[in-house]
N, C-alpha and C. Protein backbone atom coordinates (compact mmCIF):
# COMPACT_ATOMS: atom_id res chain seq x y z
N MET A 1 17.82 14.48 22.43
CA MET A 1 17.77 14.20 21.01
C MET A 1 17.75 12.69 20.81
N ALA A 2 16.90 12.27 19.90
CA ALA A 2 16.84 10.86 19.52
C ALA A 2 17.38 10.76 18.10
N GLU A 3 18.37 9.90 17.90
CA GLU A 3 18.95 9.74 16.57
C GLU A 3 18.38 8.51 15.89
N ARG A 4 18.14 8.65 14.60
CA ARG A 4 17.68 7.53 13.78
C ARG A 4 18.59 7.43 12.58
N ARG A 5 19.01 6.22 12.29
CA ARG A 5 19.89 5.99 11.13
C ARG A 5 19.12 5.17 10.11
N ARG A 6 19.07 5.66 8.90
CA ARG A 6 18.48 4.94 7.77
C ARG A 6 19.48 4.99 6.64
N GLY A 7 20.16 3.88 6.41
CA GLY A 7 21.18 3.87 5.38
C GLY A 7 22.31 4.81 5.75
N ASP A 8 22.61 5.77 4.89
CA ASP A 8 23.70 6.72 5.13
C ASP A 8 23.23 7.97 5.86
N VAL A 9 21.95 8.07 6.18
CA VAL A 9 21.38 9.29 6.74
C VAL A 9 21.18 9.14 8.25
N VAL A 10 21.64 10.14 9.01
CA VAL A 10 21.38 10.19 10.45
C VAL A 10 20.51 11.42 10.70
N VAL A 11 19.32 11.18 11.24
CA VAL A 11 18.38 12.26 11.54
C VAL A 11 18.24 12.35 13.05
N SER A 12 18.40 13.54 13.60
CA SER A 12 18.22 13.76 15.03
C SER A 12 16.88 14.47 15.23
N GLN A 13 16.10 13.98 16.20
CA GLN A 13 14.80 14.59 16.47
C GLN A 13 14.75 14.97 17.94
N CYS A 14 14.40 16.22 18.21
CA CYS A 14 14.27 16.71 19.58
C CYS A 14 13.07 16.02 20.23
N THR A 15 13.27 15.49 21.42
CA THR A 15 12.20 14.77 22.09
C THR A 15 11.14 15.70 22.69
N SER A 16 11.47 16.97 22.88
CA SER A 16 10.47 17.88 23.45
C SER A 16 9.70 18.66 22.39
N CYS A 17 10.40 19.24 21.42
CA CYS A 17 9.70 20.04 20.40
C CYS A 17 9.46 19.27 19.10
N GLU A 18 10.04 18.06 18.98
CA GLU A 18 9.93 17.21 17.80
C GLU A 18 10.55 17.83 16.55
N GLY A 19 11.46 18.81 16.74
CA GLY A 19 12.19 19.38 15.62
C GLY A 19 13.14 18.35 15.03
N VAL A 20 13.39 18.44 13.74
CA VAL A 20 14.25 17.50 13.03
C VAL A 20 15.53 18.22 12.61
N PHE A 21 16.67 17.60 12.92
CA PHE A 21 17.96 18.20 12.63
C PHE A 21 18.84 17.18 11.92
N LEU A 22 19.61 17.65 10.92
CA LEU A 22 20.52 16.77 10.23
C LEU A 22 21.66 17.56 9.63
N GLN A 23 22.72 16.86 9.28
CA GLN A 23 23.88 17.48 8.66
C GLN A 23 23.55 17.84 7.21
N ARG A 24 24.28 18.80 6.67
CA ARG A 24 24.05 19.22 5.28
C ARG A 24 24.24 18.06 4.31
N SER A 25 25.27 17.24 4.55
CA SER A 25 25.51 16.10 3.66
C SER A 25 24.37 15.09 3.74
N ASP A 26 23.77 14.95 4.94
CA ASP A 26 22.64 14.04 5.10
C ASP A 26 21.41 14.55 4.33
N LEU A 27 21.27 15.85 4.23
CA LEU A 27 20.17 16.41 3.45
C LEU A 27 20.29 16.00 1.99
N GLY A 28 21.51 16.06 1.45
CA GLY A 28 21.75 15.62 0.07
C GLY A 28 21.43 14.14 -0.10
N ASN A 29 21.80 13.32 0.90
CA ASN A 29 21.50 11.89 0.84
C ASN A 29 19.99 11.65 0.90
N LEU A 30 19.28 12.45 1.70
CA LEU A 30 17.82 12.33 1.78
C LEU A 30 17.17 12.66 0.44
N VAL A 31 17.66 13.72 -0.20
CA VAL A 31 17.11 14.11 -1.50
C VAL A 31 17.32 12.99 -2.52
N GLU A 32 18.51 12.39 -2.51
CA GLU A 32 18.77 11.28 -3.44
C GLU A 32 17.89 10.08 -3.13
N ALA A 33 17.72 9.76 -1.85
CA ALA A 33 16.86 8.64 -1.47
C ALA A 33 15.41 8.90 -1.86
N GLU A 34 14.96 10.14 -1.70
CA GLU A 34 13.59 10.50 -2.08
C GLU A 34 13.40 10.34 -3.58
N ASN A 35 14.38 10.77 -4.37
CA ASN A 35 14.28 10.62 -5.83
C ASN A 35 14.26 9.14 -6.22
N ASP A 36 15.08 8.32 -5.55
CA ASP A 36 15.08 6.88 -5.83
C ASP A 36 13.74 6.26 -5.48
N TRP A 37 13.15 6.71 -4.38
CA TRP A 37 11.86 6.19 -3.90
C TRP A 37 10.77 6.37 -4.96
N HIS A 38 10.78 7.53 -5.62
CA HIS A 38 9.74 7.86 -6.60
C HIS A 38 10.09 7.47 -8.03
N GLN A 39 11.24 6.86 -8.24
CA GLN A 39 11.72 6.59 -9.60
C GLN A 39 10.76 5.70 -10.38
N HIS A 40 10.20 4.68 -9.78
CA HIS A 40 9.36 3.74 -10.51
C HIS A 40 7.90 3.83 -10.07
N THR A 41 7.41 5.03 -9.80
CA THR A 41 6.04 5.16 -9.33
C THR A 41 5.09 5.65 -10.41
N GLY A 42 5.40 5.33 -11.65
CA GLY A 42 4.50 5.69 -12.74
C GLY A 42 3.22 4.89 -12.65
N PRO A 43 2.30 5.14 -13.53
CA PRO A 43 1.03 4.42 -13.48
C PRO A 43 1.23 2.92 -13.68
N LYS A 44 0.63 2.16 -12.80
CA LYS A 44 0.69 0.70 -12.90
C LYS A 44 -0.72 0.20 -13.12
N THR A 45 -0.98 -0.20 -14.32
CA THR A 45 -2.33 -0.65 -14.62
C THR A 45 -2.31 -2.13 -14.99
N THR A 46 -3.22 -2.86 -14.41
CA THR A 46 -3.40 -4.27 -14.77
C THR A 46 -4.87 -4.45 -15.07
N PRO A 47 -5.18 -5.38 -15.93
CA PRO A 47 -6.58 -5.59 -16.26
C PRO A 47 -7.37 -6.02 -15.02
N MET A 48 -8.57 -5.53 -14.91
CA MET A 48 -9.45 -5.90 -13.80
C MET A 48 -9.97 -7.31 -14.05
N PRO A 49 -10.06 -8.13 -13.00
CA PRO A 49 -10.59 -9.48 -13.20
C PRO A 49 -12.09 -9.43 -13.45
N ARG A 50 -12.57 -10.43 -14.11
CA ARG A 50 -14.01 -10.54 -14.34
C ARG A 50 -14.68 -10.88 -13.01
N ILE A 51 -15.70 -10.18 -12.64
CA ILE A 51 -16.39 -10.38 -11.37
C ILE A 51 -17.35 -11.55 -11.49
N THR A 52 -17.22 -12.47 -10.53
CA THR A 52 -18.11 -13.63 -10.50
C THR A 52 -18.74 -13.73 -9.11
N ALA A 53 -19.80 -14.52 -8.99
CA ALA A 53 -20.54 -14.63 -7.73
C ALA A 53 -19.73 -15.28 -6.62
N ASP A 54 -18.76 -16.12 -6.96
CA ASP A 54 -18.01 -16.82 -5.92
C ASP A 54 -16.79 -16.03 -5.41
N MET A 55 -16.60 -14.81 -5.87
CA MET A 55 -15.46 -14.00 -5.46
C MET A 55 -15.69 -13.39 -4.08
N THR A 56 -14.58 -13.20 -3.34
CA THR A 56 -14.63 -12.49 -2.06
C THR A 56 -13.71 -11.28 -2.16
N ALA A 57 -13.97 -10.30 -1.34
CA ALA A 57 -13.15 -9.09 -1.36
C ALA A 57 -11.77 -9.40 -0.79
N PRO A 58 -10.71 -8.86 -1.39
CA PRO A 58 -9.37 -9.07 -0.85
C PRO A 58 -9.20 -8.31 0.46
N PRO A 59 -8.24 -8.71 1.29
CA PRO A 59 -7.99 -7.95 2.52
C PRO A 59 -7.47 -6.56 2.17
N PRO A 60 -7.75 -5.60 3.03
CA PRO A 60 -7.27 -4.24 2.73
C PRO A 60 -5.74 -4.20 2.69
N ALA A 61 -5.21 -3.49 1.72
CA ALA A 61 -3.76 -3.38 1.56
C ALA A 61 -3.21 -2.37 2.56
N LYS A 62 -2.02 -2.65 3.06
CA LYS A 62 -1.35 -1.70 3.95
C LYS A 62 -0.95 -0.49 3.11
N PRO A 63 -1.32 0.70 3.54
CA PRO A 63 -0.97 1.87 2.73
C PRO A 63 0.54 2.07 2.65
N ARG A 64 1.01 2.35 1.47
CA ARG A 64 2.44 2.59 1.25
C ARG A 64 2.74 4.04 1.63
N ALA A 65 3.90 4.25 2.22
CA ALA A 65 4.30 5.61 2.57
C ALA A 65 4.33 6.46 1.30
N ARG A 66 3.92 7.70 1.41
CA ARG A 66 3.90 8.58 0.25
C ARG A 66 5.30 9.05 -0.13
N ALA A 67 6.24 9.00 0.83
CA ALA A 67 7.59 9.47 0.58
C ALA A 67 8.57 8.73 1.49
N TYR A 68 9.83 8.69 1.10
CA TYR A 68 10.87 8.04 1.89
C TYR A 68 10.97 8.67 3.27
N VAL A 69 10.82 9.99 3.33
CA VAL A 69 10.94 10.70 4.60
C VAL A 69 9.92 10.20 5.61
N GLU A 70 8.72 9.82 5.18
CA GLU A 70 7.71 9.30 6.10
C GLU A 70 8.18 8.02 6.78
N THR A 71 9.02 7.25 6.12
CA THR A 71 9.47 5.98 6.71
C THR A 71 10.45 6.21 7.85
N LEU A 72 11.00 7.41 7.97
CA LEU A 72 11.95 7.69 9.05
C LEU A 72 11.26 7.76 10.40
N PHE A 73 9.97 8.05 10.43
CA PHE A 73 9.29 8.29 11.69
C PHE A 73 8.16 7.31 11.94
N ASP A 74 8.36 6.05 11.56
CA ASP A 74 7.36 5.00 11.81
C ASP A 74 7.29 4.70 13.28
């Protein structure tokens, strides 16, 4: 078993079957962390800049994890 600690949560993952195991209290902490993660994910709109000939494309953005749980297994 490989243990990972993120804040108050300890997640154990089996190295052979990759099953995920945690304490019941840690599940509650994960749910709270997941809710906090999504709290401010409403639509974020900013005006598009005016396109001009001297503009270059920005570098690709690093994709943000879709959920807090995804960050446990980076």
